[in-house]
């Protein structure tokens, strides 16, 4: 075991991408509530399928951190099966420390199906139960990155105690579905302990149980939960940050070409900002890292293939157009 710069914690899965061609999308008048439609009771042709192992919010973050030059590891849970060992092998090939991933012979590894149509996707998810627990003797990293887990209430209580015993570890929290369902009261200590919380606008509204709030209001309300820095992404409209003093805005990085497949864009953004902060970058500069890696990820299939090395990311940053800059909200 070694002391890592970056340790991510969260579920891991195998994603099977199915590229659809015979489908339709129907949206409400607001163009936000959309459904994908296929013929009922028929055989639906597809273009091709791609299997991607070793993915998930936290796994994607761990790979991102490794590509950007940090010593990176993952605490995750798998079954002692083909998918589980395939996920571990994939992570090792991406220079992620898998010391804390121990396949469980009583569990079945997660496997998701990604229905991919045009440049968007709908993911069919089945979350398998795992014996979540903090490994004995886990060495405190510089940064701990927590994201999506299944039914794991007791584990979160353990983690709160572990963080209390390791005050020098900085926590990044990118809440997943189950964590949002737990509610802010149940995770009050987690939010208050976090150095950085990253959510999208819809997730912020879900966490806070509010509607029709401005970004500025959401930033303040999320910050009131106690985290040092809040970042809220707003799709193609860019991202916003608040550290209790300044509210900042960063636009999208101009796409080199139209997005091919959007899985993992949010993970690329959140992990890149986290890595920049871990490297000692100021918040203004860290915010510039996120959209660049997101732009690159959506050019490839899956959440990890397009993740950039630090050299490549800094080249994009150096060559950025003049309008790609962080500005302060008034």
C-alpha atoms as a PDB file:
ATOM      1  CA  UNK A   1       0.000   0.000   0.000  1.00  0.00           C
ATOM      2  CA  UNK A   2       1.181   3.525  -0.755  1.00  0.00           C
ATOM      3  CA  UNK A   3      -0.047   7.016   0.019  1.00  0.00           C
ATOM      4  CA  UNK A   4      -1.887   8.193  -3.078  1.00  0.00           C
ATOM      5  CA  UNK A   5      -2.471  11.699  -4.370  1.00  0.00           C
ATOM      6  CA  UNK A   6      -6.009  10.761  -5.382  1.00  0.00           C
ATOM      7  CA  UNK A   7      -8.278   7.926  -4.235  1.00  0.00           C
ATOM      8  CA  UNK A   8     -11.741   7.621  -5.758  1.00  0.00           C
ATOM      9  CA  UNK A   9     -14.543   5.657  -4.093  1.00  0.00           C
ATOM     10  CA  UNK A  10     -17.593   4.394  -5.961  1.00  0.00           C
ATOM     11  CA  UNK A  11     -19.253   1.631  -7.924  1.00  0.00           C
ATOM     12  CA  UNK A  12     -17.675   0.168 -11.021  1.00  0.00           C
ATOM     13  CA  UNK A  13     -19.340  -1.431 -14.008  1.00  0.00           C
ATOM     14  CA  UNK A  14     -19.091  -2.765 -17.539  1.00  0.00           C
ATOM     15  CA  UNK A  15     -20.955  -0.615 -20.075  1.00  0.00           C
ATOM     16  CA  UNK A  16     -22.264  -2.199 -23.262  1.00  0.00           C
ATOM     17  CA  UNK A  17     -22.967   0.533 -25.820  1.00  0.00           C
ATOM     18  CA  UNK A  18     -25.621  -0.302 -28.410  1.00  0.00           C
ATOM     19  CA  UNK A  19     -25.632   2.150 -31.312  1.00  0.00           C
ATOM     20  CA  UNK A  20     -29.255   2.536 -32.465  1.00  0.00           C
ATOM     21  CA  UNK A  21     -30.359   3.754 -35.869  1.00  0.00           C
ATOM     22  CA  UNK A  22     -34.052   2.838 -36.030  1.00  0.00           C
ATOM     23  CA  UNK A  23     -35.540   5.028 -33.287  1.00  0.00           C
ATOM     24  CA  UNK A  24     -37.226   8.369 -32.687  1.00  0.00           C
ATOM     25  CA  UNK A  25     -37.023  11.000 -29.945  1.00  0.00           C
ATOM     26  CA  UNK A  26     -40.136  12.878 -28.833  1.00  0.00           C
ATOM     27  CA  UNK A  27     -39.949  15.903 -26.538  1.00  0.00           C
ATOM     28  CA  UNK A  28     -42.381  18.105 -24.645  1.00  0.00           C
ATOM     29  CA  UNK A  29     -42.725  21.710 -25.765  1.00  0.00           C
ATOM     30  CA  UNK A  30     -39.928  22.746 -23.373  1.00  0.00           C
ATOM     31  CA  UNK A  31     -37.565  20.332 -25.207  1.00  0.00           C
ATOM     32  CA  UNK A  32     -36.360  19.063 -21.833  1.00  0.00           C
ATOM     33  CA  UNK A  33     -38.660  16.082 -21.158  1.00  0.00           C
ATOM     34  CA  UNK A  34     -37.818  13.680 -23.969  1.00  0.00           C
ATOM     35  CA  UNK A  35     -38.405   9.984 -24.590  1.00  0.00           C
ATOM     36  CA  UNK A  36     -36.785   7.589 -27.034  1.00  0.00           C
ATOM     37  CA  UNK A  37     -39.219   5.430 -29.007  1.00  0.00           C
ATOM     38  CA  UNK A  38     -38.837   2.134 -30.875  1.00  0.00           C
ATOM     39  CA  UNK A  39     -41.393  -0.184 -32.413  1.00  0.00           C
ATOM     40  CA  UNK A  40     -43.117  -2.402 -29.859  1.00  0.00           C
ATOM     41  CA  UNK A  41     -42.910  -6.175 -30.334  1.00  0.00           C
ATOM     42  CA  UNK A  42     -40.503  -5.998 -33.272  1.00  0.00           C
ATOM     43  CA  UNK A  43     -36.883  -6.734 -34.085  1.00  0.00           C
ATOM     44  CA  UNK A  44     -34.952  -3.469 -33.973  1.00  0.00           C
ATOM     45  CA  UNK A  45     -31.715  -3.278 -36.002  1.00  0.00           C
ATOM     46  CA  UNK A  46     -28.666  -1.613 -34.480  1.00  0.00           C
ATOM     47  CA  UNK A  47     -25.422  -0.404 -36.057  1.00  0.00           C
ATOM     48  CA  UNK A  48     -22.867  -1.934 -33.675  1.00  0.00           C
ATOM     49  CA  UNK A  49     -22.113  -2.621 -30.013  1.00  0.00           C
ATOM     50  CA  UNK A  50     -19.035  -1.750 -27.935  1.00  0.00           C
ATOM     51  CA  UNK A  51     -18.121  -3.191 -24.522  1.00  0.00           C
ATOM     52  CA  UNK A  52     -16.291  -0.830 -22.160  1.00  0.00           C
ATOM     53  CA  UNK A  53     -15.048  -2.192 -18.828  1.00  0.00           C
ATOM     54  CA  UNK A  54     -13.902  -0.518 -15.639  1.00  0.00           C
ATOM     55  CA  UNK A  55     -16.163   2.527 -15.793  1.00  0.00           C
ATOM     56  CA  UNK A  56     -18.433   4.418 -13.409  1.00  0.00           C
ATOM     57  CA  UNK A  57     -18.308   7.946 -11.963  1.00  0.00           C
ATOM     58  CA  UNK A  58     -15.445   7.240  -9.576  1.00  0.00           C
ATOM     59  CA  UNK A  59     -13.576   4.868 -11.885  1.00  0.00           C
ATOM     60  CA  UNK A  60     -13.685   7.526 -14.583  1.00  0.00           C
ATOM     61  CA  UNK A  61     -12.332  10.079 -12.117  1.00  0.00           C
ATOM     62  CA  UNK A  62      -9.505   7.741 -11.080  1.00  0.00           C
ATOM     63  CA  UNK A  63      -8.455   7.217 -14.709  1.00  0.00           C
ATOM     64  CA  UNK A  64      -8.680  10.965 -15.342  1.00  0.00           C
ATOM     65  CA  UNK A  65      -6.406  11.684 -12.374  1.00  0.00           C
ATOM     66  CA  UNK A  66      -3.878   9.082 -13.525  1.00  0.00           C
ATOM     67  CA  UNK A  67      -3.817  10.532 -17.071  1.00  0.00           C
ATOM     68  CA  UNK A  68      -3.245  13.996 -15.605  1.00  0.00           C
ATOM     69  CA  UNK A  69      -0.218  12.804 -13.663  1.00  0.00           C
ATOM     70  CA  UNK A  70      -1.373  12.020 -10.126  1.00  0.00           C
ATOM     71  CA  UNK A  71      -0.823   8.740  -8.326  1.00  0.00           C
ATOM     72  CA  UNK A  72      -4.393   7.492  -8.441  1.00  0.00           C
ATOM     73  CA  UNK A  73      -6.348   4.590  -7.011  1.00  0.00           C
ATOM     74  CA  UNK A  74      -9.889   3.292  -6.730  1.00  0.00           C
ATOM     75  CA  UNK A  75     -11.861   1.708  -3.911  1.00  0.00           C
ATOM     76  CA  UNK A  76     -14.676  -0.213  -5.592  1.00  0.00           C
ATOM     77  CA  UNK A  77     -16.531  -3.528  -5.360  1.00  0.00           C
ATOM     78  CA  UNK A  78     -16.936  -6.275  -7.969  1.00  0.00           C
ATOM     79  CA  UNK A  79     -17.908  -9.888  -8.201  1.00  0.00           C
ATOM     80  CA  UNK A  80     -15.337 -12.635  -8.637  1.00  0.00           C
ATOM     81  CA  UNK A  81     -16.402 -13.072 -12.254  1.00  0.00           C
ATOM     82  CA  UNK A  82     -15.345 -12.249 -15.810  1.00  0.00           C
ATOM     83  CA  UNK A  83     -16.661  -8.690 -15.701  1.00  0.00           C
ATOM     84  CA  UNK A  84     -15.092  -7.985 -12.318  1.00  0.00           C
ATOM     85  CA  UNK A  85     -11.634  -9.166 -13.307  1.00  0.00           C
ATOM     86  CA  UNK A  86     -11.974  -7.437 -16.674  1.00  0.00           C
ATOM     87  CA  UNK A  87     -12.714  -4.149 -14.906  1.00  0.00           C
ATOM     88  CA  UNK A  88      -9.659  -4.534 -12.670  1.00  0.00           C
ATOM     89  CA  UNK A  89      -7.406  -5.361 -15.628  1.00  0.00           C
ATOM     90  CA  UNK A  90      -8.672  -2.310 -17.517  1.00  0.00           C
ATOM     91  CA  UNK A  91      -7.946  -0.030 -14.572  1.00  0.00           C
ATOM     92  CA  UNK A  92      -4.438  -1.421 -14.196  1.00  0.00           C
ATOM     93  CA  UNK A  93      -3.787  -0.705 -17.872  1.00  0.00           C
ATOM     94  CA  UNK A  94      -4.777   2.892 -17.132  1.00  0.00           C
ATOM     95  CA  UNK A  95      -2.243   3.141 -14.266  1.00  0.00           C
ATOM     96  CA  UNK A  96      -4.904   3.087 -11.540  1.00  0.00           C
ATOM     97  CA  UNK A  97      -3.936   1.406  -8.260  1.00  0.00           C
ATOM     98  CA  UNK A  98      -6.437  -1.425  -7.626  1.00  0.00           C
ATOM     99  CA  UNK A  99      -5.121  -2.495  -4.216  1.00  0.00           C
ATOM    100  CA  UNK A 100      -8.466  -1.756  -2.571  1.00  0.00           C
ATOM    101  CA  UNK A 101     -10.592  -3.669  -5.112  1.00  0.00           C
ATOM    102  CA  UNK A 102     -11.126  -7.214  -3.857  1.00  0.00           C
ATOM    103  CA  UNK A 103     -13.527  -9.359  -5.925  1.00  0.00           C
ATOM    104  CA  UNK A 104     -16.310 -10.857  -3.828  1.00  0.00           C
ATOM    105  CA  UNK A 105     -17.298 -14.433  -4.767  1.00  0.00           C
ATOM    106  CA  UNK A 106     -20.800 -13.871  -3.346  1.00  0.00           C
ATOM    107  CA  UNK A 107     -21.524 -10.825  -5.525  1.00  0.00           C
ATOM    108  CA  UNK A 108     -22.256 -10.266  -9.208  1.00  0.00           C
ATOM    109  CA  UNK A 109     -20.429  -7.474 -11.011  1.00  0.00           C
ATOM    110  CA  UNK A 110     -22.459  -4.575 -12.379  1.00  0.00           C
ATOM    111  CA  UNK A 111     -23.247  -4.483 -16.081  1.00  0.00           C
ATOM    112  CA  UNK A 112     -25.149  -1.634 -17.762  1.00  0.00           C
ATOM    113  CA  UNK A 113     -26.609  -1.260 -21.238  1.00  0.00           C
ATOM    114  CA  UNK A 114     -26.235   2.088 -22.999  1.00  0.00           C
ATOM    115  CA  UNK A 115     -28.839   2.813 -25.681  1.00  0.00           C
ATOM    116  CA  UNK A 116     -26.945   5.285 -27.848  1.00  0.00           C
ATOM    117  CA  UNK A 117     -28.896   7.308 -30.385  1.00  0.00           C
ATOM    118  CA  UNK A 118     -27.396  10.243 -32.284  1.00  0.00           C
ATOM    119  CA  UNK A 119     -25.099  11.943 -29.703  1.00  0.00           C
ATOM    120  CA  UNK A 120     -27.133  11.134 -26.581  1.00  0.00           C
ATOM    121  CA  UNK A 121     -27.701   7.973 -24.553  1.00  0.00           C
ATOM    122  CA  UNK A 122     -30.136   6.319 -22.176  1.00  0.00           C
ATOM    123  CA  UNK A 123     -28.554   3.876 -19.722  1.00  0.00           C
ATOM    124  CA  UNK A 124     -30.280   0.728 -18.457  1.00  0.00           C
ATOM    125  CA  UNK A 125     -28.953   0.227 -14.935  1.00  0.00           C
ATOM    126  CA  UNK A 126     -29.145  -2.700 -12.515  1.00  0.00           C
ATOM    127  CA  UNK A 127     -27.333  -1.960  -9.266  1.00  0.00           C
ATOM    128  CA  UNK A 128     -26.124  -5.135  -7.563  1.00  0.00           C
ATOM    129  CA  UNK A 129     -25.610  -5.227  -3.763  1.00  0.00           C
ATOM    130  CA  UNK A 130     -22.060  -5.323  -2.384  1.00  0.00           C
ATOM    131  CA  UNK A 131     -20.481  -5.655   1.085  1.00  0.00           C
ATOM    132  CA  UNK A 132     -19.458  -1.996   1.290  1.00  0.00           C
ATOM    133  CA  UNK A 133     -16.781  -1.359   3.914  1.00  0.00           C
ATOM    134  CA  UNK A 134     -13.612   0.683   4.363  1.00  0.00           C
ATOM    135  CA  UNK A 135     -10.589  -1.613   3.988  1.00  0.00           C
ATOM    136  CA  UNK A 136      -8.608  -2.167   7.139  1.00  0.00           C
ATOM    137  CA  UNK A 137      -5.478  -0.038   7.133  1.00  0.00           C
ATOM    138  CA  UNK A 138      -6.551   2.176   4.236  1.00  0.00           C
ATOM    139  CA  UNK A 139      -3.894   4.876   3.880  1.00  0.00           C
ATOM    140  CA  UNK A 140      -5.225   8.417   3.781  1.00  0.00           C
ATOM    141  CA  UNK A 141      -4.718  10.028   0.344  1.00  0.00           C
ATOM    142  CA  UNK A 142      -4.196  13.707  -0.348  1.00  0.00           C
ATOM    143  CA  UNK A 143      -7.595  13.890  -2.070  1.00  0.00           C
ATOM    144  CA  UNK A 144     -10.552  11.535  -1.623  1.00  0.00           C
ATOM    145  CA  UNK A 145     -13.126  11.588  -4.442  1.00  0.00           C
ATOM    146  CA  UNK A 146     -16.543  10.174  -3.522  1.00  0.00           C
ATOM    147  CA  UNK A 147     -19.271   9.544  -6.064  1.00  0.00           C
ATOM    148  CA  UNK A 148     -22.019   7.105  -6.994  1.00  0.00           C
ATOM    149  CA  UNK A 149     -22.654   4.065  -4.782  1.00  0.00           C
ATOM    150  CA  UNK A 150     -25.611   1.720  -4.394  1.00  0.00           C
ATOM    151  CA  UNK A 151     -27.500   1.096  -1.154  1.00  0.00           C
ATOM    152  CA  UNK A 152     -24.693   1.980   1.263  1.00  0.00           C
ATOM    153  CA  UNK A 153     -26.009   4.011   4.201  1.00  0.00           C
ATOM    154  CA  UNK A 154     -23.829   2.288   6.788  1.00  0.00           C
ATOM    155  CA  UNK A 155     -20.743   2.711   4.604  1.00  0.00           C
ATOM    156  CA  UNK A 156     -21.325   6.465   4.461  1.00  0.00           C
ATOM    157  CA  UNK A 157     -21.458   6.569   8.249  1.00  0.00           C
ATOM    158  CA  UNK A 158     -18.139   4.669   8.353  1.00  0.00           C
ATOM    159  CA  UNK A 159     -16.645   7.099   5.872  1.00  0.00           C
ATOM    160  CA  UNK A 160     -17.717  10.127   7.924  1.00  0.00           C
ATOM    161  CA  UNK A 161     -15.891   8.615  10.930  1.00  0.00           C
ATOM    162  CA  UNK A 162     -12.839   7.814   8.778  1.00  0.00           C
ATOM    163  CA  UNK A 163     -12.696  11.377   7.466  1.00  0.00           C
ATOM    164  CA  UNK A 164     -12.939  12.672  11.011  1.00  0.00           C
ATOM    165  CA  UNK A 165      -9.882  10.595  11.914  1.00  0.00           C
ATOM    166  CA  UNK A 166      -7.978  11.829   8.823  1.00  0.00           C
ATOM    167  CA  UNK A 167      -8.486  15.615   8.766  1.00  0.00           C
ATOM    168  CA  UNK A 168      -5.674  16.301   6.285  1.00  0.00           C
ATOM    169  CA  UNK A 169      -7.446  14.433   3.477  1.00  0.00           C
ATOM    170  CA  UNK A 170      -9.457  16.784   1.270  1.00  0.00           C
ATOM    171  CA  UNK A 171     -12.849  15.456   0.174  1.00  0.00           C
ATOM    172  CA  UNK A 172     -14.385  15.943  -3.274  1.00  0.00           C
ATOM    173  CA  UNK A 173     -18.062  14.944  -3.410  1.00  0.00           C
ATOM    174  CA  UNK A 174     -19.891  14.304  -6.693  1.00  0.00           C
ATOM    175  CA  UNK A 175     -23.203  12.904  -5.379  1.00  0.00           C
ATOM    176  CA  UNK A 176     -24.787   9.973  -7.163  1.00  0.00           C
ATOM    177  CA  UNK A 177     -28.452   8.971  -7.279  1.00  0.00           C
ATOM    178  CA  UNK A 178     -28.496   7.017  -4.011  1.00  0.00           C
ATOM    179  CA  UNK A 179     -26.573   9.740  -2.182  1.00  0.00           C
ATOM    180  CA  UNK A 180     -29.073  12.343  -3.349  1.00  0.00           C
ATOM    181  CA  UNK A 181     -31.916  10.093  -2.163  1.00  0.00           C
ATOM    182  CA  UNK A 182     -30.274   9.859   1.273  1.00  0.00           C
ATOM    183  CA  UNK A 183     -30.889  13.593   1.634  1.00  0.00           C
ATOM    184  CA  UNK A 184     -28.803  16.476   2.924  1.00  0.00           C
ATOM    185  CA  UNK A 185     -29.728  15.764   6.541  1.00  0.00           C
ATOM    186  CA  UNK A 186     -28.319  12.239   6.423  1.00  0.00           C
ATOM    187  CA  UNK A 187     -25.152  13.461   4.680  1.00  0.00           C
ATOM    188  CA  UNK A 188     -24.844  16.839   6.421  1.00  0.00           C
ATOM    189  CA  UNK A 189     -21.393  15.995   7.775  1.00  0.00           C
ATOM    190  CA  UNK A 190     -20.240  14.882   4.311  1.00  0.00           C
ATOM    191  CA  UNK A 191     -21.295  18.143   2.665  1.00  0.00           C
ATOM    192  CA  UNK A 192     -19.798  20.207   5.492  1.00  0.00           C
ATOM    193  CA  UNK A 193     -16.516  18.276   5.285  1.00  0.00           C
ATOM    194  CA  UNK A 194     -16.130  18.613   1.513  1.00  0.00           C
ATOM    195  CA  UNK A 195     -13.454  20.771  -0.042  1.00  0.00           C
ATOM    196  CA  UNK A 196     -15.368  20.651  -3.321  1.00  0.00           C
ATOM    197  CA  UNK A 197     -18.879  19.575  -4.335  1.00  0.00           C
ATOM    198  CA  UNK A 198     -19.691  19.236  -8.046  1.00  0.00           C
ATOM    199  CA  UNK A 199     -23.261  18.815  -9.339  1.00  0.00           C
ATOM    200  CA  UNK A 200     -25.272  19.839 -12.353  1.00  0.00           C
ATOM    201  CA  UNK A 201     -28.142  22.315 -12.141  1.00  0.00           C
ATOM    202  CA  UNK A 202     -30.867  19.664 -12.028  1.00  0.00           C
ATOM    203  CA  UNK A 203     -29.016  17.750  -9.298  1.00  0.00           C
ATOM    204  CA  UNK A 204     -28.626  20.899  -7.204  1.00  0.00           C
ATOM    205  CA  UNK A 205     -32.385  21.455  -7.402  1.00  0.00           C
ATOM    206  CA  UNK A 206     -33.014  17.822  -6.437  1.00  0.00           C
ATOM    207  CA  UNK A 207     -30.618  17.972  -3.486  1.00  0.00           C
ATOM    208  CA  UNK A 208     -32.068  21.256  -2.221  1.00  0.00           C
ATOM    209  CA  UNK A 209     -35.673  20.322  -3.088  1.00  0.00           C
ATOM    210  CA  UNK A 210     -36.272  23.619  -4.877  1.00  0.00           C
ATOM    211  CA  UNK A 211     -37.432  24.789  -8.295  1.00  0.00           C
ATOM    212  CA  UNK A 212     -37.084  27.901 -10.425  1.00  0.00           C
ATOM    213  CA  UNK A 213     -33.996  29.213  -8.643  1.00  0.00           C
ATOM    214  CA  UNK A 214     -31.246  31.159 -10.359  1.00  0.00           C
ATOM    215  CA  UNK A 215     -27.743  29.758 -10.568  1.00  0.00           C
ATOM    216  CA  UNK A 216     -26.616  32.389  -8.051  1.00  0.00           C
ATOM    217  CA  UNK A 217     -29.283  31.258  -5.598  1.00  0.00           C
ATOM    218  CA  UNK A 218     -28.409  27.602  -6.073  1.00  0.00           C
ATOM    219  CA  UNK A 219     -24.708  28.310  -5.522  1.00  0.00           C
ATOM    220  CA  UNK A 220     -25.433  30.116  -2.261  1.00  0.00           C
ATOM    221  CA  UNK A 221     -27.855  27.468  -1.015  1.00  0.00           C
ATOM    222  CA  UNK A 222     -25.426  24.637  -1.803  1.00  0.00           C
ATOM    223  CA  UNK A 223     -22.575  26.573  -0.191  1.00  0.00           C
ATOM    224  CA  UNK A 224     -24.677  26.984   2.960  1.00  0.00           C
ATOM    225  CA  UNK A 225     -24.395  23.202   3.404  1.00  0.00           C
ATOM    226  CA  UNK A 226     -20.803  23.879   4.456  1.00  0.00           C
ATOM    227  CA  UNK A 227     -18.557  22.905   1.539  1.00  0.00           C
ATOM    228  CA  UNK A 228     -15.635  25.226   0.761  1.00  0.00           C
ATOM    229  CA  UNK A 229     -16.227  25.313  -3.013  1.00  0.00           C
ATOM    230  CA  UNK A 230     -19.402  24.592  -4.971  1.00  0.00           C
ATOM    231  CA  UNK A 231     -19.382  23.984  -8.732  1.00  0.00           C
ATOM    232  CA  UNK A 232     -22.624  23.726 -10.700  1.00  0.00           C
ATOM    233  CA  UNK A 233     -22.555  22.739 -14.360  1.00  0.00           C
ATOM    234  CA  UNK A 234     -25.362  23.818 -16.695  1.00  0.00           C
ATOM    235  CA  UNK A 235     -25.001  21.706 -19.835  1.00  0.00           C
ATOM    236  CA  UNK A 236     -23.935  23.714 -22.902  1.00  0.00           C
ATOM    237  CA  UNK A 237     -24.394  26.956 -20.961  1.00  0.00           C
ATOM    238  CA  UNK A 238     -21.133  26.404 -19.052  1.00  0.00           C
ATOM    239  CA  UNK A 239     -20.330  26.019 -15.358  1.00  0.00           C
ATOM    240  CA  UNK A 240     -20.360  28.165 -12.245  1.00  0.00           C
ATOM    241  CA  UNK A 241     -18.389  28.136  -9.004  1.00  0.00           C
ATOM    242  CA  UNK A 242     -18.686  29.784  -5.583  1.00  0.00           C
ATOM    243  CA  UNK A 243     -16.119  29.773  -2.803  1.00  0.00           C
ATOM    244  CA  UNK A 244     -18.047  31.967  -0.380  1.00  0.00           C
ATOM    245  CA  UNK A 245     -16.434  35.127  -1.736  1.00  0.00           C
ATOM    246  CA  UNK A 246     -16.572  35.059  -5.527  1.00  0.00           C
ATOM    247  CA  UNK A 247     -18.986  33.589  -8.044  1.00  0.00           C
ATOM    248  CA  UNK A 248     -17.207  32.529 -11.215  1.00  0.00           C
ATOM    249  CA  UNK A 249     -18.333  31.416 -14.667  1.00  0.00           C
ATOM    250  CA  UNK A 250     -16.485  29.307 -17.243  1.00  0.00           C
ATOM    251  CA  UNK A 251     -17.928  28.658 -20.730  1.00  0.00           C
ATOM    252  CA  UNK A 252     -17.739  25.412 -22.656  1.00  0.00           C
ATOM    253  CA  UNK A 253     -14.485  24.837 -24.502  1.00  0.00           C
ATOM    254  CA  UNK A 254     -15.222  25.050 -28.245  1.00  0.00           C
ATOM    255  CA  UNK A 255     -15.776  21.550 -29.625  1.00  0.00           C
ATOM    256  CA  UNK A 256     -13.254  20.482 -32.232  1.00  0.00           C
ATOM    257  CA  UNK A 257     -16.185  18.777 -33.984  1.00  0.00           C
ATOM    258  CA  UNK A 258     -19.742  17.768 -33.093  1.00  0.00           C
ATOM    259  CA  UNK A 259     -19.963  15.505 -30.004  1.00  0.00           C
ATOM    260  CA  UNK A 260     -19.966  11.798 -30.875  1.00  0.00           C
ATOM    261  CA  UNK A 261     -21.146  10.279 -27.561  1.00  0.00           C
ATOM    262  CA  UNK A 262     -21.672  12.167 -24.287  1.00  0.00           C
ATOM    263  CA  UNK A 263     -21.108   9.532 -21.593  1.00  0.00           C
ATOM    264  CA  UNK A 264     -18.613  10.696 -18.960  1.00  0.00           C
ATOM    265  CA  UNK A 265     -18.540  14.403 -19.802  1.00  0.00           C
ATOM    266  CA  UNK A 266     -19.578  15.358 -16.271  1.00  0.00           C
ATOM    267  CA  UNK A 267     -17.040  13.010 -14.684  1.00  0.00           C
ATOM    268  CA  UNK A 268     -14.286  14.423 -16.896  1.00  0.00           C
ATOM    269  CA  UNK A 269     -15.211  17.953 -15.832  1.00  0.00           C
ATOM    270  CA  UNK A 270     -15.439  17.233 -12.091  1.00  0.00           C
ATOM    271  CA  UNK A 271     -12.284  15.127 -11.922  1.00  0.00           C
ATOM    272  CA  UNK A 272     -10.202  17.602 -13.959  1.00  0.00           C
ATOM    273  CA  UNK A 273     -11.143  20.514 -11.691  1.00  0.00           C
ATOM    274  CA  UNK A 274     -10.341  18.314  -8.675  1.00  0.00           C
ATOM    275  CA  UNK A 275      -6.936  17.309 -10.063  1.00  0.00           C
ATOM    276  CA  UNK A 276      -6.033  20.921 -10.815  1.00  0.00           C
ATOM    277  CA  UNK A 277      -6.873  21.889  -7.226  1.00  0.00           C
ATOM    278  CA  UNK A 278      -4.859  18.928  -5.942  1.00  0.00           C
ATOM    279  CA  UNK A 279      -1.903  20.220  -7.976  1.00  0.00           C
ATOM    280  CA  UNK A 280      -2.197  23.569  -6.195  1.00  0.00           C
ATOM    281  CA  UNK A 281      -3.868  25.499  -9.020  1.00  0.00           C
ATOM    282  CA  UNK A 282      -6.107  28.432  -8.015  1.00  0.00           C
ATOM    283  CA  UNK A 283      -9.844  27.986  -8.552  1.00  0.00           C
ATOM    284  CA  UNK A 284      -9.856  30.265 -11.617  1.00  0.00           C
ATOM    285  CA  UNK A 285      -7.334  28.069 -13.411  1.00  0.00           C
ATOM    286  CA  UNK A 286      -8.828  24.800 -12.163  1.00  0.00           C
ATOM    287  CA  UNK A 287     -12.175  25.728 -13.717  1.00  0.00           C
ATOM    288  CA  UNK A 288     -10.507  26.019 -17.122  1.00  0.00           C
ATOM    289  CA  UNK A 289      -9.345  22.393 -16.963  1.00  0.00           C
ATOM    290  CA  UNK A 290     -12.820  20.874 -16.674  1.00  0.00           C
ATOM    291  CA  UNK A 291     -14.439  21.871 -19.991  1.00  0.00           C
ATOM    292  CA  UNK A 292     -11.334  20.893 -21.966  1.00  0.00           C
ATOM    293  CA  UNK A 293     -11.420  17.279 -20.792  1.00  0.00           C
ATOM    294  CA  UNK A 294     -15.201  17.165 -21.253  1.00  0.00           C
ATOM    295  CA  UNK A 295     -14.811  18.383 -24.827  1.00  0.00           C
ATOM    296  CA  UNK A 296     -12.305  15.627 -25.513  1.00  0.00           C
ATOM    297  CA  UNK A 297     -14.303  12.818 -23.878  1.00  0.00           C
ATOM    298  CA  UNK A 298     -17.434  13.394 -25.979  1.00  0.00           C
ATOM    299  CA  UNK A 299     -15.408  12.775 -29.147  1.00  0.00           C
ATOM    300  CA  UNK A 300     -15.015   9.077 -28.265  1.00  0.00           C
ATOM    301  CA  UNK A 301     -17.172   6.113 -27.209  1.00  0.00           C
ATOM    302  CA  UNK A 302     -17.336   5.710 -23.434  1.00  0.00           C
ATOM    303  CA  UNK A 303     -16.217   7.782 -20.499  1.00  0.00           C
ATOM    304  CA  UNK A 304     -12.461   7.161 -20.539  1.00  0.00           C
ATOM    305  CA  UNK A 305     -11.018   6.813 -24.048  1.00  0.00           C
ATOM    306  CA  UNK A 306     -10.968  10.563 -24.661  1.00  0.00           C
ATOM    307  CA  UNK A 307      -9.499  11.571 -21.296  1.00  0.00           C
ATOM    308  CA  UNK A 308      -6.423  13.739 -21.846  1.00  0.00           C
ATOM    309  CA  UNK A 309      -2.901  13.623 -20.503  1.00  0.00           C
ATOM    310  CA  UNK A 310      -1.739  16.715 -18.671  1.00  0.00           C
ATOM    311  CA  UNK A 311       0.483  17.690 -21.607  1.00  0.00           C
ATOM    312  CA  UNK A 312      -2.416  17.455 -24.069  1.00  0.00           C
ATOM    313  CA  UNK A 313      -4.783  19.376 -21.770  1.00  0.00           C
ATOM    314  CA  UNK A 314      -2.255  22.165 -21.257  1.00  0.00           C
ATOM    315  CA  UNK A 315      -1.782  22.386 -25.029  1.00  0.00           C
ATOM    316  CA  UNK A 316      -5.522  22.953 -25.481  1.00  0.00           C
ATOM    317  CA  UNK A 317      -5.368  25.543 -22.707  1.00  0.00           C
ATOM    318  CA  UNK A 318      -2.460  27.355 -24.373  1.00  0.00           C
ATOM    319  CA  UNK A 319      -4.244  27.326 -27.747  1.00  0.00           C
ATOM    320  CA  UNK A 320      -7.636  28.348 -26.345  1.00  0.00           C
ATOM    321  CA  UNK A 321      -9.512  31.190 -28.064  1.00  0.00           C
ATOM    322  CA  UNK A 322      -9.517  34.557 -26.330  1.00  0.00           C
ATOM    323  CA  UNK A 323     -13.130  34.182 -25.229  1.00  0.00           C
ATOM    324  CA  UNK A 324     -12.325  31.017 -23.278  1.00  0.00           C
ATOM    325  CA  UNK A 325     -11.740  32.561 -19.873  1.00  0.00           C
ATOM    326  CA  UNK A 326     -13.171  32.655 -16.381  1.00  0.00           C
ATOM    327  CA  UNK A 327     -15.281  35.674 -15.526  1.00  0.00           C
ATOM    328  CA  UNK A 328     -16.804  36.844 -12.276  1.00  0.00           C
ATOM    329  CA  UNK A 329     -20.561  37.049 -11.861  1.00  0.00           C
ATOM    330  CA  UNK A 330     -21.870  40.368 -10.597  1.00  0.00           C
END
